[in-house]
């Protein structure tokens, strides 16, 4: 279901920053199948425009026309401390493709970038791609990685690295921090809108409850509790499990400083 919310308190129109001379680094055949992108014998999209779309250089292909790109607002608790407004600091939501939201991580500065440059580097983009596609094979709920597109554009971190854009997929990228964002200003109207959206599109069983909002809350808690238990079963450590990184659908998301334990005991 496409993200249809509007308003400056929810999102901001955000044009991707062009990525010079993009090239394919990785493309997930299972994710392309999930969203109906046809591949050629080299496992690259038949429609060559996808390289430009997934790098942020072009908005549409011949067969796929996305809505105007946006970045979204949310808040959150980080390491137990209220951090206030955060938002998509380097991710741009392109729209819906066959029931999956398409998001470009590293596609440039957004309204919420603060002091950041809006870019992602090749090293971390490859890590996110690999883990996003390993998790489904391990039966762990997760957002998916569609592709990584690289460029020789230099990006300064601890050292100078090269830029990349990781295209991500999810039925929804709504986070717990989205609800905290509106709860912090007592914006009941927005809270109801997002809760109703989730119930209608992702938690239909809650509609049959005497208190659909309470049932929604319980289900979100249950899904994420189960998710963390599944992480523990494979020794996965998220690294930044803050409320702005917690999916309301119970999906692993925002692969930053994650890792796997070599040895652990139950």
Protein backbone atom coordinates (compact mmCIF):
# COMPACT_ATOMS: atom_id res chain seq x y z
CA UNK A 1 0.00 0.00 0.00
CA UNK A 2 1.51 3.32 -1.09
CA UNK A 3 2.44 5.98 1.45
CA UNK A 4 -0.27 8.58 0.83
CA UNK A 5 0.19 10.96 3.76
CA UNK A 6 0.90 14.61 3.05
CA UNK A 7 1.70 17.69 5.12
CA UNK A 8 4.91 19.33 6.30
CA UNK A 9 4.55 17.67 9.70
CA UNK A 10 4.74 14.25 8.00
CA UNK A 11 7.08 14.63 5.05
CA UNK A 12 8.95 16.99 2.76
CA UNK A 13 9.38 16.90 -1.01
CA UNK A 14 12.97 15.79 -1.61
CA UNK A 15 14.71 15.46 -4.94
CA UNK A 16 17.54 12.89 -4.98
CA UNK A 17 21.01 14.32 -5.52
CA UNK A 18 22.44 12.96 -8.80
CA UNK A 19 25.06 10.23 -8.43
CA UNK A 20 27.78 10.66 -11.06
CA UNK A 21 28.60 7.73 -13.36
CA UNK A 22 26.67 5.05 -11.45
CA UNK A 23 27.46 1.38 -11.86
CA UNK A 24 25.88 -1.83 -10.60
CA UNK A 25 27.45 -3.31 -7.47
CA UNK A 26 24.75 -5.79 -6.48
CA UNK A 27 21.22 -6.70 -7.50
CA UNK A 28 19.04 -9.21 -5.66
CA UNK A 29 17.27 -11.61 -8.05
CA UNK A 30 14.74 -12.58 -5.36
CA UNK A 31 13.93 -8.94 -4.60
CA UNK A 32 13.58 -8.05 -8.28
CA UNK A 33 11.18 -10.98 -8.61
CA UNK A 34 9.26 -9.72 -5.57
CA UNK A 35 8.51 -6.43 -7.34
CA UNK A 36 8.26 -7.72 -10.90
CA UNK A 37 11.45 -6.30 -12.44
CA UNK A 38 12.46 -8.44 -15.43
CA UNK A 39 16.11 -9.46 -15.68
CA UNK A 40 18.20 -10.35 -18.72
CA UNK A 41 20.61 -13.27 -19.09
CA UNK A 42 23.21 -11.33 -17.09
CA UNK A 43 20.78 -10.89 -14.18
CA UNK A 44 20.49 -7.17 -14.84
CA UNK A 45 17.22 -5.32 -15.50
CA UNK A 46 15.96 -5.57 -19.06
CA UNK A 47 14.95 -1.92 -18.77
CA UNK A 48 18.31 -0.13 -18.54
CA UNK A 49 16.64 2.90 -16.96
CA UNK A 50 16.58 1.07 -13.62
CA UNK A 51 20.26 1.89 -13.07
CA UNK A 52 19.44 5.59 -13.23
CA UNK A 53 16.26 5.25 -11.14
CA UNK A 54 17.94 3.24 -8.38
CA UNK A 55 20.86 5.67 -8.24
CA UNK A 56 18.50 8.63 -7.87
CA UNK A 57 19.41 10.15 -11.23
CA UNK A 58 16.04 9.54 -12.87
CA UNK A 59 12.54 9.49 -11.40
CA UNK A 60 10.74 6.92 -13.56
CA UNK A 61 11.17 4.07 -16.02
CA UNK A 62 9.02 3.51 -19.08
CA UNK A 63 6.72 1.15 -17.17
CA UNK A 64 6.96 2.47 -13.61
CA UNK A 65 5.91 5.97 -12.66
CA UNK A 66 6.50 6.81 -9.02
CA UNK A 67 5.05 9.65 -6.98
CA UNK A 68 7.15 12.70 -6.23
CA UNK A 69 10.07 11.71 -3.96
CA UNK A 70 9.77 12.55 -0.27
CA UNK A 71 11.63 12.20 3.01
CA UNK A 72 9.60 11.56 6.14
CA UNK A 73 9.60 12.84 9.71
CA UNK A 74 9.80 10.80 12.89
CA UNK A 75 11.26 11.15 16.37
CA UNK A 76 12.58 8.67 18.88
CA UNK A 77 14.40 7.57 21.98
CA UNK A 78 18.07 6.87 21.32
CA UNK A 79 19.95 4.81 23.90
CA UNK A 80 17.24 5.54 26.46
CA UNK A 81 17.20 9.31 25.93
CA UNK A 82 14.51 11.30 24.10
CA UNK A 83 16.18 12.63 20.94
CA UNK A 84 13.29 14.73 19.62
CA UNK A 85 12.69 15.08 15.89
CA UNK A 86 14.87 12.95 13.64
CA UNK A 87 13.61 11.85 10.22
CA UNK A 88 15.00 10.38 7.01
CA UNK A 89 18.43 11.98 7.07
CA UNK A 90 19.68 10.21 3.94
CA UNK A 91 16.79 8.06 2.72
CA UNK A 92 14.28 9.14 0.07
CA UNK A 93 10.97 7.36 -0.42
CA UNK A 94 10.24 6.90 -4.12
CA UNK A 95 6.84 5.25 -3.88
CA UNK A 96 5.12 1.89 -4.21
CA UNK A 97 6.09 -0.94 -6.54
CA UNK A 98 3.91 -4.06 -6.46
CA UNK A 99 2.95 -3.56 -2.81
CA UNK A 100 6.44 -2.68 -1.62
CA UNK A 101 7.67 0.80 -0.73
CA UNK A 102 10.90 1.68 -2.54
CA UNK A 103 13.41 3.75 -0.60
CA UNK A 104 16.83 5.00 -1.72
CA UNK A 105 19.37 5.18 1.10
CA UNK A 106 22.28 7.50 0.39
CA UNK A 107 20.49 9.49 -2.32
CA UNK A 108 21.45 12.90 -0.93
CA UNK A 109 20.59 15.61 1.55
CA UNK A 110 17.03 15.77 2.88
CA UNK A 111 15.10 18.19 5.07
CA UNK A 112 16.15 16.02 8.03
CA UNK A 113 19.86 15.61 7.28
CA UNK A 114 20.92 18.07 9.99
CA UNK A 115 24.74 18.24 9.66
CA UNK A 116 25.00 15.12 7.46
CA UNK A 117 25.81 14.95 3.75
CA UNK A 118 22.95 12.59 2.90
CA UNK A 119 25.28 10.04 1.36
CA UNK A 120 26.03 6.39 2.09
CA UNK A 121 29.37 4.75 1.41
CA UNK A 122 30.00 1.58 -0.56
CA UNK A 123 31.34 -0.37 2.42
CA UNK A 124 28.24 0.05 4.61
CA UNK A 125 25.86 -0.31 1.66
CA UNK A 126 27.31 -3.72 0.81
CA UNK A 127 26.99 -4.80 4.46
CA UNK A 128 23.33 -3.75 4.51
CA UNK A 129 22.62 -5.50 1.22
CA UNK A 130 24.20 -8.77 2.34
CA UNK A 131 22.45 -8.91 5.71
CA UNK A 132 19.09 -7.76 4.33
CA UNK A 133 19.15 -10.66 1.89
CA UNK A 134 20.61 -13.20 4.34
CA UNK A 135 17.85 -12.62 6.89
CA UNK A 136 14.99 -13.98 4.73
CA UNK A 137 17.02 -17.15 4.15
CA UNK A 138 17.29 -17.45 7.94
CA UNK A 139 13.50 -16.92 8.26
CA UNK A 140 13.98 -13.60 10.06
CA UNK A 141 11.47 -10.83 9.15
CA UNK A 142 13.30 -7.94 7.50
CA UNK A 143 13.21 -5.09 5.06
CA UNK A 144 14.75 -6.18 1.76
CA UNK A 145 17.63 -4.87 -0.32
CA UNK A 146 16.89 -4.51 -4.01
CA UNK A 147 20.24 -3.20 -5.18
CA UNK A 148 23.44 -1.33 -4.50
CA UNK A 149 24.62 1.21 -7.05
CA UNK A 150 28.14 2.60 -6.72
CA UNK A 151 30.00 5.67 -7.90
CA UNK A 152 33.53 7.03 -7.70
CA UNK A 153 32.14 10.13 -5.96
CA UNK A 154 34.31 10.65 -2.85
CA UNK A 155 32.56 10.73 0.53
CA UNK A 156 34.40 11.79 3.66
CA UNK A 157 33.99 9.64 6.76
CA UNK A 158 36.92 8.63 8.99
CA UNK A 159 38.73 8.38 5.67
CA UNK A 160 37.68 9.18 2.12
CA UNK A 161 35.42 6.46 0.71
CA UNK A 162 33.30 6.08 -2.41
CA UNK A 163 29.56 6.77 -2.54
CA UNK A 164 26.77 4.27 -3.04
CA UNK A 165 22.98 4.09 -2.96
CA UNK A 166 21.20 1.10 -1.44
CA UNK A 167 17.64 0.58 -2.69
CA UNK A 168 15.45 -0.90 0.05
CA UNK A 169 12.01 -2.50 0.00
CA UNK A 170 9.37 -2.96 2.69
CA UNK A 171 5.57 -3.16 2.87
CA UNK A 172 5.96 -0.05 5.02
CA UNK A 173 8.88 1.87 6.52
CA UNK A 174 6.74 3.32 9.34
CA UNK A 175 8.61 3.19 12.64
CA UNK A 176 7.63 3.32 16.30
CA UNK A 177 9.29 6.74 16.27
CA UNK A 178 6.62 8.00 13.85
CA UNK A 179 4.03 7.54 16.59
CA UNK A 180 6.34 9.07 19.19
CA UNK A 181 6.78 12.05 16.88
CA UNK A 182 3.09 12.93 16.98
CA UNK A 183 2.54 11.81 20.56
CA UNK A 184 5.22 14.29 21.67
CA UNK A 185 3.05 17.16 20.42
CA UNK A 186 -0.25 15.52 21.40
CA UNK A 187 -1.30 15.40 17.75
CA UNK A 188 -4.17 12.96 18.21
CA UNK A 189 -5.43 13.48 14.65
CA UNK A 190 -2.19 12.23 13.10
CA UNK A 191 -1.88 9.38 15.59
CA UNK A 192 -5.34 8.16 14.61
CA UNK A 193 -4.57 8.51 10.90
CA UNK A 194 -1.44 6.38 11.10
CA UNK A 195 -3.06 3.84 13.42
CA UNK A 196 -6.06 3.53 11.08
CA UNK A 197 -3.69 3.14 8.11
CA UNK A 198 -1.83 0.28 9.81
CA UNK A 199 -5.02 -1.47 10.89
CA UNK A 200 -6.57 -1.24 7.45
CA UNK A 201 -3.49 -2.33 5.51
CA UNK A 202 -1.36 -4.45 7.83
CA UNK A 203 -3.32 -5.47 10.95
CA UNK A 204 -6.86 -6.28 9.75
CA UNK A 205 -7.49 -8.59 12.73
CA UNK A 206 -7.42 -5.52 14.99
CA UNK A 207 -10.61 -4.31 13.31
CA UNK A 208 -12.50 -7.16 14.95
CA UNK A 209 -11.40 -6.14 18.43
CA UNK A 210 -13.51 -4.08 20.83
CA UNK A 211 -10.53 -1.72 21.10
CA UNK A 212 -8.73 -1.75 17.75
CA UNK A 213 -6.01 0.69 18.85
CA UNK A 214 -5.13 -1.36 21.92
CA UNK A 215 -5.08 -4.52 19.81
CA UNK A 216 -2.78 -2.79 17.31
CA UNK A 217 -0.42 -1.83 20.13
CA UNK A 218 -0.37 -5.39 21.48
CA UNK A 219 0.33 -6.85 18.05
CA UNK A 220 3.19 -4.43 17.34
CA UNK A 221 4.73 -5.32 20.72
CA UNK A 222 4.28 -9.05 20.09
CA UNK A 223 5.83 -8.94 16.63
CA UNK A 224 8.89 -7.06 17.82
CA UNK A 225 9.31 -9.26 20.90
CA UNK A 226 9.26 -12.31 18.64
CA UNK A 227 11.69 -10.60 16.25
CA UNK A 228 14.25 -9.98 18.99
CA UNK A 229 13.91 -13.61 20.11
CA UNK A 230 14.59 -14.69 16.53
CA UNK A 231 17.67 -12.46 16.45
CA UNK A 232 18.93 -14.10 19.61
CA UNK A 233 18.46 -17.55 18.09
CA UNK A 234 21.08 -16.73 15.43
CA UNK A 235 23.31 -14.45 17.53
CA UNK A 236 22.36 -11.26 15.68
CA UNK A 237 23.04 -7.91 17.41
CA UNK A 238 21.31 -4.90 15.86
CA UNK A 239 23.64 -2.29 17.34
CA UNK A 240 21.24 0.69 17.35
CA UNK A 241 17.94 -0.66 18.62
CA UNK A 242 16.37 2.75 19.22
CA UNK A 243 12.68 3.50 18.76
CA UNK A 244 13.38 5.30 15.48
CA UNK A 245 14.87 2.03 14.17
CA UNK A 246 11.99 -0.23 15.23
CA UNK A 247 9.49 -1.21 12.55
CA UNK A 248 5.79 -1.20 13.42
CA UNK A 249 5.54 -4.34 11.25
CA UNK A 250 8.12 -6.24 13.28
CA UNK A 251 10.79 -6.16 10.57
CA UNK A 252 14.54 -5.91 11.01
CA UNK A 253 15.44 -2.51 9.60
CA UNK A 254 18.26 0.05 9.46
CA UNK A 255 21.33 -2.15 9.28
CA UNK A 256 24.05 0.06 10.74
CA UNK A 257 26.65 -1.26 13.21
CA UNK A 258 25.11 -4.73 13.38
CA UNK A 259 27.07 -7.89 14.05
CA UNK A 260 26.81 -11.59 14.84
CA UNK A 261 28.09 -13.22 18.02
CA UNK A 262 30.65 -15.94 17.45
CA UNK A 263 29.73 -17.72 20.70
CA UNK A 264 26.71 -17.34 22.94
CA UNK A 265 24.87 -19.37 25.55
CA UNK A 266 21.20 -19.85 26.35
